Amino acid sequence: MTKKDFFDWARMYKDEEYIEREAYSCVETAICNHYDIEDITELTAEQWVDIHAWQEENVSEYSPMNMGFSDVYNVWEMNNEDV
């Protein structure tokens, strides 16, 4: 067998980055739509408690959406360090 016969996925990281961006966008959009806000930084700490509770109850630990929730939370946290 030549190297050409073996499976290869060149630049798979590009697809991973795409999936990460999509997960972030989906989570951010769902949260903003639910709370009727324009920007994720407008959320309160209490709203994040509710969001995390929902996530724990409804999102499988293996779901790629967990990455989206974590990334959205990190953005919120960086902009609300005093909370």
C-alpha atoms as a PDB file:
ATOM      1  CA  MET A   1       0.000   0.000   0.000  1.00  0.00           C
ATOM      2  CA  THR A   2       1.216   3.435  -0.797  1.00  0.00           C
ATOM      3  CA  LYS A   3       0.716   6.451   1.411  1.00  0.00           C
ATOM      4  CA  LYS A   4      -1.981   7.588  -1.001  1.00  0.00           C
ATOM      5  CA  ASP A   5      -4.063   4.511  -0.108  1.00  0.00           C
ATOM      6  CA  PHE A   6      -4.280   5.449   3.580  1.00  0.00           C
ATOM      7  CA  PHE A   7      -7.004   7.766   4.820  1.00  0.00           C
ATOM      8  CA  ASP A   8      -5.869  11.305   5.451  1.00  0.00           C
ATOM      9  CA  TRP A   9      -7.764  14.445   6.390  1.00  0.00           C
ATOM     10  CA  ALA A  10      -5.496  17.318   5.600  1.00  0.00           C
ATOM     11  CA  ARG A  11      -6.291  20.507   7.458  1.00  0.00           C
ATOM     12  CA  MET A  12      -8.984  18.908   9.631  1.00  0.00           C
ATOM     13  CA  TYR A  13      -8.378  21.760  12.060  1.00  0.00           C
ATOM     14  CA  LYS A  14     -10.182  24.062   9.607  1.00  0.00           C
ATOM     15  CA  ASP A  15     -13.342  21.986   9.979  1.00  0.00           C
ATOM     16  CA  GLU A  16     -12.935  21.906  13.753  1.00  0.00           C
ATOM     17  CA  GLU A  17     -12.683  25.689  13.816  1.00  0.00           C
ATOM     18  CA  TYR A  18     -15.831  25.906  11.693  1.00  0.00           C
ATOM     19  CA  ILE A  19     -17.719  23.626  14.097  1.00  0.00           C
ATOM     20  CA  GLU A  20     -16.540  25.690  17.077  1.00  0.00           C
ATOM     21  CA  ARG A  21     -17.732  28.916  15.427  1.00  0.00           C
ATOM     22  CA  GLU A  22     -21.090  27.365  14.560  1.00  0.00           C
ATOM     23  CA  ALA A  23     -21.607  26.041  18.104  1.00  0.00           C
ATOM     24  CA  TYR A  24     -20.775  29.476  19.536  1.00  0.00           C
ATOM     25  CA  SER A  25     -23.116  31.215  17.108  1.00  0.00           C
ATOM     26  CA  CYS A  26     -26.002  28.811  17.788  1.00  0.00           C
ATOM     27  CA  VAL A  27     -25.698  29.134  21.560  1.00  0.00           C
ATOM     28  CA  GLU A  28     -25.288  32.910  21.461  1.00  0.00           C
ATOM     29  CA  THR A  29     -28.294  33.308  19.151  1.00  0.00           C
ATOM     30  CA  ALA A  30     -30.520  31.040  21.250  1.00  0.00           C
ATOM     31  CA  ILE A  31     -29.637  32.892  24.459  1.00  0.00           C
ATOM     32  CA  CYS A  32     -30.008  36.370  22.968  1.00  0.00           C
ATOM     33  CA  ASN A  33     -33.349  35.451  21.400  1.00  0.00           C
ATOM     34  CA  HIS A  34     -34.656  33.938  24.629  1.00  0.00           C
ATOM     35  CA  TYR A  35     -33.711  36.916  26.783  1.00  0.00           C
ATOM     36  CA  ASP A  36     -34.518  39.446  24.050  1.00  0.00           C
ATOM     37  CA  ILE A  37     -31.075  41.061  24.182  1.00  0.00           C
ATOM     38  CA  GLU A  38     -28.725  42.294  21.478  1.00  0.00           C
ATOM     39  CA  ASP A  39     -25.447  41.260  23.089  1.00  0.00           C
ATOM     40  CA  ILE A  40     -24.444  38.415  25.370  1.00  0.00           C
ATOM     41  CA  THR A  41     -22.745  40.883  27.730  1.00  0.00           C
ATOM     42  CA  GLU A  42     -26.199  42.165  28.734  1.00  0.00           C
ATOM     43  CA  LEU A  43     -26.960  38.977  30.687  1.00  0.00           C
ATOM     44  CA  THR A  44     -26.993  38.998  34.462  1.00  0.00           C
ATOM     45  CA  ALA A  45     -25.209  36.498  36.694  1.00  0.00           C
ATOM     46  CA  GLU A  46     -28.621  35.149  37.722  1.00  0.00           C
ATOM     47  CA  GLN A  47     -29.511  34.475  34.092  1.00  0.00           C
ATOM     48  CA  TRP A  48     -26.277  32.541  33.690  1.00  0.00           C
ATOM     49  CA  VAL A  49     -27.210  30.405  36.681  1.00  0.00           C
ATOM     50  CA  ASP A  50     -30.454  29.533  34.876  1.00  0.00           C
ATOM     51  CA  ILE A  51     -28.631  28.889  31.602  1.00  0.00           C
ATOM     52  CA  HIS A  52     -26.103  26.587  33.276  1.00  0.00           C
ATOM     53  CA  ALA A  53     -28.887  24.721  35.064  1.00  0.00           C
ATOM     54  CA  TRP A  54     -30.671  24.174  31.745  1.00  0.00           C
ATOM     55  CA  GLN A  55     -27.424  23.081  30.102  1.00  0.00           C
ATOM     56  CA  GLU A  56     -26.682  20.565  32.860  1.00  0.00           C
ATOM     57  CA  GLU A  57     -30.158  19.105  32.586  1.00  0.00           C
ATOM     58  CA  ASN A  58     -30.537  19.057  28.801  1.00  0.00           C
ATOM     59  CA  VAL A  59     -27.164  18.867  27.084  1.00  0.00           C
ATOM     60  CA  SER A  60     -25.253  15.593  26.946  1.00  0.00           C
ATOM     61  CA  GLU A  61     -21.719  15.733  28.252  1.00  0.00           C
ATOM     62  CA  TYR A  62     -20.624  14.542  24.800  1.00  0.00           C
ATOM     63  CA  SER A  63     -22.510  17.226  22.890  1.00  0.00           C
ATOM     64  CA  PRO A  64     -20.414  19.641  20.840  1.00  0.00           C
ATOM     65  CA  MET A  65     -22.796  22.368  22.044  1.00  0.00           C
ATOM     66  CA  ASN A  66     -21.034  22.336  25.427  1.00  0.00           C
ATOM     67  CA  MET A  67     -18.084  24.002  23.740  1.00  0.00           C
ATOM     68  CA  GLY A  68     -20.446  26.708  22.494  1.00  0.00           C
ATOM     69  CA  PHE A  69     -21.885  27.270  25.970  1.00  0.00           C
ATOM     70  CA  SER A  70     -18.384  27.474  27.458  1.00  0.00           C
ATOM     71  CA  ASP A  71     -17.150  29.921  24.842  1.00  0.00           C
ATOM     72  CA  VAL A  72     -20.211  32.172  25.162  1.00  0.00           C
ATOM     73  CA  TYR A  73     -19.885  32.131  28.950  1.00  0.00           C
ATOM     74  CA  ASN A  74     -16.182  33.019  28.680  1.00  0.00           C
ATOM     75  CA  VAL A  75     -17.013  36.048  26.531  1.00  0.00           C
ATOM     76  CA  TRP A  76     -19.654  37.146  29.027  1.00  0.00           C
ATOM     77  CA  GLU A  77     -17.292  36.595  31.953  1.00  0.00           C
ATOM     78  CA  MET A  78     -14.469  38.609  30.370  1.00  0.00           C
ATOM     79  CA  ASN A  79     -16.835  41.530  29.937  1.00  0.00           C
ATOM     80  CA  ASN A  80     -18.353  41.230  33.423  1.00  0.00           C
ATOM     81  CA  GLU A  81     -15.323  40.626  35.623  1.00  0.00           C
ATOM     82  CA  ASP A  82     -16.731  42.815  38.376  1.00  0.00           C
ATOM     83  CA  VAL A  83     -19.874  40.658  38.759  1.00  0.00           C
END
